[in-house]
C-alpha cells in the first residue's frame, strides 16, 4: 500500500519517510523549504536516494520538482531544512563543492554549448578534474562507449545535434564529472517516442554498469515508474505521496495529485 504522508514538522526528522540511518542513503533531504520572494516553491519536502537506487520525482507543472533539484545542487538557497550527501551536510555548500563530492545535475533544456564541438562540451564537464589528463581521456572513452553517436560526432558543432543527441550530450557531460548521483530534470522533454526509449535505455545501463544513483524529474510518468524503484509525488510544493514505483503505478489515487485536481488529496485518504 502507498504510505500515508503527513506535513513535515519544523525539525529535520520527517515522519513521512521511513526511519533510516543517514549512512545508508546517498542523498538525504529533510524538510526542505525554498521560496522565491513571497512565493513558496516547495515546503517541508523530504526524500532519500540510496546508492544505486532509481527514484522518480513526479507532479504537475509548477509542483516544485525542479526547485527541489536546484536546491539539492545548490543553484537556489534553501529557506529551511537539511540536505546531506554521502553522510555530509551540504545544505550551505557551494555548487562546486557538491559537484566535486559526486553530485551531478542535468537541468531541463540540456544547456549544452552550441558553438563548441561535442568533445569540447564533454571536456568542460570534467573541469574539476582537468589536471588529471589521463583520467579525462578515460572519461571520454567511457562516454563514447556509452554513446557511440557522440563518438561519431565528437569534432562536430553541438549545434547540429538532434534533440536526442543533444540530451545524450547533456548526460554524458554530467558523467565527465565522475558523479555518484545523477539528477535529471525532464530529460525526455520534446523528444519523440523512439528517443524517449533511448533515454531510458541509457539511464538503465548507467545504473546497471556504474551503480549510479538516479533522481529523475519526468512528465512521462508511466515510463519513469516502469524503470524506478520508488517514487515521490509533489502537489503544490508539498510531498503528497511516496511509495514503491510498483505501488504508485498500480494505484490511481495519486493521479489526482499529479494532475493537480482540487478537493481532498489522496494523501488524506491513503492507507498507512
Protein backbone atom coordinates (compact mmCIF):
# COMPACT_ATOMS: atom_id res chain seq x y z
CA UNK A 1 0.00 0.00 0.00
CA UNK A 2 1.07 3.60 -0.52
CA UNK A 3 2.28 5.16 2.67
CA UNK A 4 0.28 7.97 4.16
CA UNK A 5 2.27 11.20 4.17
CA UNK A 6 1.92 13.99 6.65
CA UNK A 7 3.09 17.53 6.84
CA UNK A 8 6.70 17.59 7.96
CA UNK A 9 7.47 19.26 11.28
CA UNK A 10 9.98 22.05 11.66
CA UNK A 11 12.67 19.60 12.74
CA UNK A 12 14.84 17.72 10.24
CA UNK A 13 13.23 14.40 11.21
CA UNK A 14 10.28 13.89 8.89
CA UNK A 15 7.71 11.22 9.83
CA UNK A 16 6.67 10.96 6.17
CA UNK A 17 9.86 9.00 5.47
CA UNK A 18 10.74 5.60 6.93
CA UNK A 19 13.33 5.79 9.67
CA UNK A 20 16.70 5.01 8.07
CA UNK A 21 20.22 5.73 9.19
CA UNK A 22 21.72 8.60 7.20
CA UNK A 23 24.74 6.48 6.32
CA UNK A 24 22.53 4.15 4.26
CA UNK A 25 21.44 6.99 1.97
CA UNK A 26 23.47 8.66 -0.73
CA UNK A 27 21.11 11.64 -0.68
CA UNK A 28 19.04 12.58 2.36
CA UNK A 29 16.77 15.64 2.08
CA UNK A 30 14.83 16.63 5.18
CA UNK A 31 12.01 19.20 5.49
CA UNK A 32 13.33 21.23 2.54
CA UNK A 33 11.67 24.62 2.05
CA UNK A 34 12.51 27.06 -0.77
CA UNK A 35 10.86 30.40 -1.51
CA UNK A 36 11.25 32.86 -4.36
CA UNK A 37 10.46 36.12 -2.64
CA UNK A 38 7.00 35.83 -1.15
CA UNK A 39 6.20 32.67 -3.14
CA UNK A 40 6.97 29.33 -1.52
CA UNK A 41 8.02 26.89 -4.26
CA UNK A 42 8.36 23.84 -2.03
CA UNK A 43 7.64 23.29 1.64
CA UNK A 44 8.86 20.60 4.06
CA UNK A 45 9.86 18.18 1.30
CA UNK A 46 11.78 15.10 2.42
CA UNK A 47 13.21 12.38 0.20
CA UNK A 48 16.08 9.91 0.05
CA UNK A 49 18.09 8.14 -2.62
CA UNK A 50 20.20 5.12 -1.72
CA UNK A 51 23.40 4.22 -3.60
CA UNK A 52 22.47 2.72 -6.96
CA UNK A 53 18.76 3.49 -6.50
CA UNK A 54 16.49 4.98 -9.19
CA UNK A 55 13.95 7.42 -7.72
CA UNK A 56 11.29 9.33 -9.68
CA UNK A 57 10.04 12.75 -8.56
CA UNK A 58 6.61 13.37 -10.08
CA UNK A 59 3.96 16.06 -10.06
CA UNK A 60 2.08 18.55 -12.19
CA UNK A 61 3.80 21.54 -13.77
CA UNK A 62 4.61 24.05 -11.05
CA UNK A 63 4.54 21.45 -8.28
CA UNK A 64 8.08 22.32 -7.19
CA UNK A 65 10.02 19.40 -8.69
CA UNK A 66 12.68 21.46 -10.47
CA UNK A 67 13.10 23.64 -7.40
CA UNK A 68 13.92 20.56 -5.31
CA UNK A 69 16.67 19.56 -7.76
CA UNK A 70 18.06 23.11 -7.87
CA UNK A 71 18.14 23.24 -4.07
CA UNK A 72 19.94 19.91 -3.85
CA UNK A 73 22.56 21.02 -6.39
CA UNK A 74 22.93 24.42 -4.70
CA UNK A 75 21.55 26.58 -7.50
CA UNK A 76 18.93 28.07 -5.18
CA UNK A 77 19.20 28.78 -1.48
CA UNK A 78 17.15 26.76 0.96
CA UNK A 79 14.98 28.66 3.39
CA UNK A 80 14.78 25.75 5.83
CA UNK A 81 15.61 22.08 6.03
CA UNK A 82 18.73 19.99 5.51
CA UNK A 83 20.46 18.37 2.54
CA UNK A 84 23.00 15.62 3.21
CA UNK A 85 25.05 13.83 0.55
CA UNK A 86 27.21 10.84 1.31
CA UNK A 87 26.57 11.44 5.00
CA UNK A 88 27.89 15.03 4.91
CA UNK A 89 25.72 18.11 5.43
CA UNK A 90 25.87 20.15 2.19
CA UNK A 91 22.94 22.47 2.92
CA UNK A 92 25.15 25.58 2.68
CA UNK A 93 27.86 24.16 0.42
CA UNK A 94 28.73 25.85 -2.87
CA UNK A 95 27.55 24.12 -6.07
CA UNK A 96 31.18 23.39 -6.99
CA UNK A 97 31.73 21.54 -3.72
CA UNK A 98 28.60 19.45 -4.30
CA UNK A 99 29.76 18.59 -7.80
CA UNK A 100 33.21 17.64 -6.53
CA UNK A 101 31.56 15.35 -3.96
CA UNK A 102 29.86 13.43 -6.77
CA UNK A 103 26.51 15.14 -7.35
CA UNK A 104 25.66 15.91 -10.99
CA UNK A 105 22.62 17.89 -12.18
CA UNK A 106 21.33 17.79 -15.77
CA UNK A 107 18.86 20.71 -15.90
CA UNK A 108 15.80 21.00 -18.09
CA UNK A 109 16.62 22.30 -21.55
CA UNK A 110 20.00 20.47 -21.80
CA UNK A 111 22.00 23.75 -21.84
CA UNK A 112 24.82 22.49 -23.99
CA UNK A 113 27.16 24.97 -25.70
CA UNK A 114 26.14 25.00 -29.39
CA UNK A 115 29.23 26.92 -30.54
CA UNK A 116 31.58 24.27 -29.14
CA UNK A 117 32.25 20.81 -30.51
CA UNK A 118 30.82 17.72 -28.88
CA UNK A 119 34.19 16.87 -27.34
CA UNK A 120 34.73 20.41 -26.09
CA UNK A 121 31.36 20.23 -24.34
CA UNK A 122 32.36 16.94 -22.75
CA UNK A 123 35.72 18.24 -21.64
CA UNK A 124 34.03 21.14 -19.85
CA UNK A 125 32.16 18.56 -17.79
CA UNK A 126 35.50 17.33 -16.46
CA UNK A 127 36.67 20.81 -15.42
CA UNK A 128 37.09 19.84 -11.76
CA UNK A 129 39.40 17.01 -12.85
CA UNK A 130 41.22 18.91 -15.60
CA UNK A 131 44.66 18.27 -14.09
CA UNK A 132 44.08 14.53 -14.31
CA UNK A 133 44.58 14.36 -18.07
CA UNK A 134 44.72 10.59 -18.27
CA UNK A 135 41.52 10.38 -16.22
CA UNK A 136 39.79 12.83 -18.56
CA UNK A 137 40.84 10.71 -21.53
CA UNK A 138 39.45 7.62 -19.85
CA UNK A 139 36.23 9.51 -19.13
CA UNK A 140 35.89 10.44 -22.79
CA UNK A 141 36.47 6.84 -23.84
CA UNK A 142 33.80 5.68 -21.37
CA UNK A 143 31.12 8.11 -22.55
CA UNK A 144 31.90 7.41 -26.19
CA UNK A 145 31.42 3.72 -25.45
CA UNK A 146 28.08 4.51 -23.81
CA UNK A 147 27.01 6.95 -26.55
CA UNK A 148 28.55 5.80 -29.87
CA UNK A 149 26.73 8.52 -31.79
CA UNK A 150 28.60 11.16 -29.82
CA UNK A 151 31.87 9.47 -30.72
CA UNK A 152 30.93 9.79 -34.40
CA UNK A 153 30.20 13.49 -33.92
CA UNK A 154 32.99 14.38 -31.49
CA UNK A 155 34.54 17.00 -33.80
CA UNK A 156 31.23 18.48 -34.95
CA UNK A 157 29.50 21.52 -33.52
CA UNK A 158 26.93 20.68 -30.86
CA UNK A 159 24.52 22.95 -32.76
CA UNK A 160 23.98 20.25 -35.42
CA UNK A 161 22.86 17.55 -32.96
CA UNK A 162 19.33 16.20 -32.97
CA UNK A 163 17.21 16.55 -29.84
CA UNK A 164 18.05 13.03 -28.69
CA UNK A 165 21.75 13.51 -29.39
CA UNK A 166 21.75 16.82 -27.51
CA UNK A 167 20.17 15.12 -24.49
CA UNK A 168 22.76 12.34 -24.68
CA UNK A 169 25.47 15.02 -24.72
CA UNK A 170 23.98 16.72 -21.64
CA UNK A 171 24.01 13.42 -19.73
CA UNK A 172 27.48 12.48 -21.00
CA UNK A 173 28.86 15.88 -19.96
CA UNK A 174 27.48 15.30 -16.44
CA UNK A 175 29.15 11.88 -16.35
CA UNK A 176 32.51 13.51 -17.04
CA UNK A 177 32.32 14.99 -13.52
CA UNK A 178 32.50 11.41 -12.12
CA UNK A 179 29.21 11.53 -10.20
CA UNK A 180 27.75 9.15 -7.66
CA UNK A 181 24.27 10.65 -8.05
CA UNK A 182 22.80 11.83 -11.34
CA UNK A 183 19.82 14.20 -11.14
CA UNK A 184 17.90 14.79 -14.36
CA UNK A 185 15.16 17.34 -14.98
CA UNK A 186 12.76 16.37 -17.78
CA UNK A 187 15.34 14.57 -19.97
CA UNK A 188 12.68 13.42 -22.48
CA UNK A 189 11.06 16.84 -22.97
CA UNK A 190 10.36 17.43 -26.66
CA UNK A 191 11.61 14.01 -27.77
CA UNK A 192 9.70 11.60 -29.98
CA UNK A 193 8.73 8.18 -28.50
CA UNK A 194 11.74 6.40 -30.03
CA UNK A 195 14.15 8.87 -28.43
CA UNK A 196 12.32 8.55 -25.09
CA UNK A 197 13.04 4.81 -25.18
CA UNK A 198 16.70 5.57 -25.91
CA UNK A 199 16.98 7.95 -22.95
CA UNK A 200 15.59 5.42 -20.50
CA UNK A 201 17.74 2.74 -22.08
CA UNK A 202 20.99 4.53 -21.34
CA UNK A 203 19.79 5.50 -17.85
CA UNK A 204 19.17 1.81 -17.16
CA UNK A 205 22.66 0.99 -18.46
CA UNK A 206 24.24 3.67 -16.27
CA UNK A 207 22.60 2.25 -13.23
CA UNK A 208 23.42 -1.34 -14.13
CA UNK A 209 27.04 -0.87 -15.20
CA UNK A 210 28.13 2.04 -12.98
CA UNK A 211 25.88 1.71 -9.96
CA UNK A 212 24.83 5.36 -10.16
CA UNK A 213 22.05 6.69 -8.01
CA UNK A 214 19.44 8.47 -10.16
CA UNK A 215 16.90 11.12 -9.15
CA UNK A 216 14.61 11.84 -12.09
CA UNK A 217 12.02 14.56 -12.66
CA UNK A 218 9.88 13.38 -15.55
CA UNK A 219 6.49 14.00 -17.19
CA UNK A 220 6.49 10.57 -18.85
CA UNK A 221 5.25 9.17 -15.56
CA UNK A 222 4.36 5.64 -16.57
CA UNK A 223 7.70 5.11 -18.28
CA UNK A 224 9.53 6.64 -15.31
CA UNK A 225 7.76 4.36 -12.83
CA UNK A 226 8.47 1.34 -15.03
CA UNK A 227 12.21 1.97 -14.50
CA UNK A 228 12.27 3.45 -10.99
CA UNK A 229 12.50 1.69 -7.63
CA UNK A 230 10.48 4.31 -5.77
CA UNK A 231 8.58 7.49 -6.47
CA UNK A 232 7.56 10.72 -4.77
CA UNK A 233 4.60 12.87 -5.85
CA UNK A 234 4.60 16.61 -5.17
CA UNK A 235 1.42 18.66 -5.06
CA UNK A 236 1.65 22.45 -4.82
CA UNK A 237 5.12 22.29 -3.34
CA UNK A 238 4.41 19.63 -0.75
CA UNK A 239 5.07 15.92 -0.64
CA UNK A 240 1.70 14.26 -1.19
CA UNK A 241 2.58 10.60 -1.72
CA UNK A 242 5.56 8.31 -1.75
CA UNK A 243 5.95 4.59 -2.19
CA UNK A 244 7.45 1.94 -4.38
CA UNK A 245 7.17 2.52 -8.12
CA UNK A 246 5.04 -0.60 -8.33
CA UNK A 247 2.62 0.74 -5.73
CA UNK A 248 2.32 4.14 -7.40
CA UNK A 249 1.84 2.64 -10.86
CA UNK A 250 -1.00 0.42 -9.63
CA UNK A 251 -2.83 2.99 -7.52
CA UNK A 252 -4.90 5.54 -9.47
CA UNK A 253 -5.47 7.74 -6.42
CA UNK A 254 -2.14 9.52 -6.95
CA UNK A 255 -3.22 10.77 -10.41
CA UNK A 256 -5.48 13.35 -8.74
CA UNK A 257 -2.39 14.81 -7.11
CA UNK A 258 -0.29 14.60 -10.26
CA UNK A 259 -2.97 16.31 -12.36
CA UNK A 260 -3.45 18.99 -9.72
CA UNK A 261 -7.18 18.45 -9.30
CA UNK A 262 -8.97 20.19 -6.49
CA UNK A 263 -10.55 18.65 -3.44
CA UNK A 264 -9.09 16.26 -0.94
CA UNK A 265 -5.69 14.88 -1.94
CA UNK A 266 -5.01 11.14 -1.87
CA UNK A 267 -2.59 11.79 0.98
CA UNK A 268 -5.59 12.42 3.20
CA UNK A 269 -7.16 9.06 2.45
CA UNK A 270 -4.25 6.72 1.62
CA UNK A 271 -3.76 3.74 3.87
CA UNK A 272 -0.67 3.85 6.03
